[in-house]
Amino acid sequence: MIVFDLECASGHRFEGWFHNSASFEEQTRRKLVSCPVCEDTRVRRVLSPVLTKTNRPEVASAPESIDYRRLAKEIVDYVNRNFEDVGTNFAKEALRMHYGVSERKNIKGSATWDEEKMLKEEQIEFFKLPLPRIEDDENN
């Protein structure tokens, strides 16, 4: 198996795994390779980063313990920085994006059990992430 870094005509980058280079060329010619973001089949190989002795990351030993409090804070911070909070309109906004009525973006919010069921029936992917309230370390 070989892994190629790929890019669609819209500029989305992703990986593809193939038996060999000829397999990639054949699948691309037959339009069997598509972008996981926009499903565009105009896909090309792009240069992959090359690891050398000077840029190879250090292999760290496994940590003796994981700071779960810090990890949870990093996750919450990431979601808060990168996802738009649509509140209780989560299901409505997910449907609007799915059907092309509004622009695709990262969203967060809440949905009822019935709304979640409907999103699954519409084959709209989402995941539930309980976000704990994490206070600043200075307040502890």
Protein backbone atom coordinates (compact mmCIF):
# COMPACT_ATOMS: atom_id res chain seq x y z
CA MET A 1 0.00 0.00 0.00
CA ILE A 2 1.04 3.58 -0.66
CA VAL A 3 -0.37 6.83 0.73
CA PHE A 4 -0.66 9.93 -1.44
CA ASP A 5 -1.45 13.47 -0.39
CA LEU A 6 -4.26 14.59 -2.68
CA GLU A 7 -6.02 17.86 -3.49
CA CYS A 8 -9.30 18.48 -5.29
CA ALA A 9 -9.91 21.34 -7.72
CA SER A 10 -11.47 23.34 -4.85
CA GLY A 11 -8.24 23.12 -2.83
CA HIS A 12 -9.33 20.59 -0.18
CA ARG A 13 -6.39 18.39 0.86
CA PHE A 14 -6.76 14.78 1.98
CA GLU A 15 -4.98 11.41 1.92
CA GLY A 16 -5.64 8.45 -0.33
CA TRP A 17 -4.40 4.88 0.11
CA PHE A 18 -3.69 2.87 -3.04
CA HIS A 19 -2.12 -0.44 -3.99
CA ASN A 20 0.43 1.39 -6.15
CA SER A 21 0.85 4.48 -8.33
CA ALA A 22 -0.83 2.80 -11.30
CA SER A 23 -3.85 2.00 -9.12
CA PHE A 24 -4.17 5.69 -8.23
CA GLU A 25 -3.93 6.72 -11.90
CA GLU A 26 -6.56 4.15 -12.97
CA GLN A 27 -9.01 5.06 -10.20
CA THR A 28 -8.58 8.77 -10.91
CA ARG A 29 -9.14 8.25 -14.65
CA ARG A 30 -12.37 6.36 -13.87
CA LYS A 31 -13.42 9.16 -11.43
CA LEU A 32 -13.48 6.74 -8.49
CA VAL A 33 -11.37 9.06 -6.30
CA SER A 34 -13.34 11.96 -4.84
CA CYS A 35 -12.83 14.68 -2.26
CA PRO A 36 -14.32 13.74 1.13
CA VAL A 37 -15.36 17.38 1.67
CA CYS A 38 -17.04 18.36 -1.62
CA GLU A 39 -17.04 15.05 -3.57
CA ASP A 40 -15.16 16.64 -6.49
CA THR A 41 -13.52 13.96 -8.69
CA ARG A 42 -10.97 16.38 -10.18
CA VAL A 43 -8.21 15.16 -7.89
CA ARG A 44 -4.45 15.44 -8.20
CA ARG A 45 -1.43 14.33 -6.19
CA VAL A 46 0.43 17.01 -4.27
CA LEU A 47 3.87 16.98 -2.75
CA SER A 48 4.12 15.26 0.59
CA PRO A 49 6.40 16.51 3.32
CA VAL A 50 9.65 14.56 3.35
CA LEU A 51 11.22 13.59 6.65
CA THR A 52 14.96 13.98 6.84
CA LYS A 53 17.36 13.76 9.72
CA THR A 54 17.04 17.52 10.22
CA ASN A 55 13.23 17.76 10.25
CA ARG A 56 12.21 14.37 11.63
CA PRO A 57 10.20 14.82 14.83
CA GLU A 58 11.66 13.40 17.99
CA VAL A 59 10.00 10.20 19.10
CA ALA A 60 8.94 10.88 22.64
CA SER A 61 8.44 8.19 25.19
CA ALA A 62 4.89 7.62 26.34
CA PRO A 63 3.87 10.02 29.08
CA GLU A 64 3.73 8.52 32.53
CA SER A 65 0.39 10.19 33.17
CA ILE A 66 -2.09 12.26 31.19
CA ASP A 67 -3.31 15.58 32.53
CA TYR A 68 -6.99 15.05 31.71
CA ARG A 69 -7.96 18.44 33.09
CA ARG A 70 -5.56 20.19 30.70
CA LEU A 71 -6.65 17.95 27.81
CA ALA A 72 -10.33 18.74 28.42
CA LYS A 73 -9.55 22.47 28.57
CA GLU A 74 -7.67 22.26 25.25
CA ILE A 75 -10.64 20.52 23.60
CA VAL A 76 -13.11 23.08 24.95
CA ASP A 77 -10.85 25.95 23.87
CA TYR A 78 -10.50 24.47 20.37
CA VAL A 79 -14.25 24.04 19.93
CA ASN A 80 -14.95 27.53 21.27
CA ARG A 81 -12.39 29.07 18.87
CA ASN A 82 -13.35 27.09 15.76
CA PHE A 83 -17.10 26.40 15.94
CA GLU A 84 -20.00 28.83 15.63
CA ASP A 85 -22.52 28.45 18.45
CA VAL A 86 -25.98 28.12 16.89
CA GLY A 87 -27.63 27.17 20.18
CA THR A 88 -30.92 25.31 19.88
CA ASN A 89 -30.92 25.88 16.10
CA PHE A 90 -28.30 23.15 15.61
CA ALA A 91 -30.57 20.76 13.67
CA LYS A 92 -32.00 23.54 11.49
CA GLU A 93 -28.55 24.88 10.61
CA ALA A 94 -27.17 21.38 9.95
CA LEU A 95 -30.06 20.75 7.53
CA ARG A 96 -29.51 24.11 5.81
CA MET A 97 -25.82 23.30 5.26
CA HIS A 98 -26.57 19.73 4.17
CA TYR A 99 -28.96 20.91 1.45
CA GLY A 100 -26.77 23.81 0.32
CA VAL A 101 -29.04 26.58 1.61
CA SER A 102 -26.25 27.98 3.77
CA GLU A 103 -22.46 27.80 3.67
CA ARG A 104 -20.77 24.79 5.30
CA LYS A 105 -18.99 25.65 8.54
CA ASN A 106 -18.18 24.19 11.93
CA ILE A 107 -21.15 24.58 14.23
CA LYS A 108 -21.97 23.64 17.79
CA GLY A 109 -25.23 23.70 19.65
CA SER A 110 -27.90 21.47 21.06
CA ALA A 111 -30.56 19.23 19.59
CA THR A 112 -33.43 17.22 20.98
CA TRP A 113 -33.49 13.45 20.71
CA ASP A 114 -36.09 13.73 17.91
CA GLU A 115 -33.89 16.22 16.04
CA GLU A 116 -30.89 13.90 16.38
CA LYS A 117 -32.97 11.02 15.02
CA MET A 118 -34.08 13.14 12.06
CA LEU A 119 -30.48 14.19 11.31
CA LYS A 120 -29.43 10.52 11.30
CA GLU A 121 -32.32 9.66 8.96
CA GLU A 122 -31.19 12.45 6.62
CA GLN A 123 -27.67 10.92 6.80
CA ILE A 124 -26.20 14.10 8.29
CA GLU A 125 -23.10 13.25 10.26
CA PHE A 126 -22.59 14.86 13.66
CA PHE A 127 -21.12 13.89 16.97
CA LYS A 128 -22.05 14.65 20.52
CA LEU A 129 -19.35 16.11 22.68
CA PRO A 130 -20.15 16.98 26.28
CA LEU A 131 -18.30 20.19 26.99
CA PRO A 132 -17.54 20.55 30.69
CA ARG A 133 -17.25 23.99 32.19
CA ILE A 134 -13.59 24.46 32.88
CA GLU A 135 -12.53 27.33 35.07
CA ASP A 136 -9.26 29.16 34.60
CA ASP A 137 -6.40 27.76 36.61
CA GLU A 138 -6.01 31.14 38.36
CA ASN A 139 -9.45 30.69 39.97
CA ASN A 140 -8.63 27.32 41.52
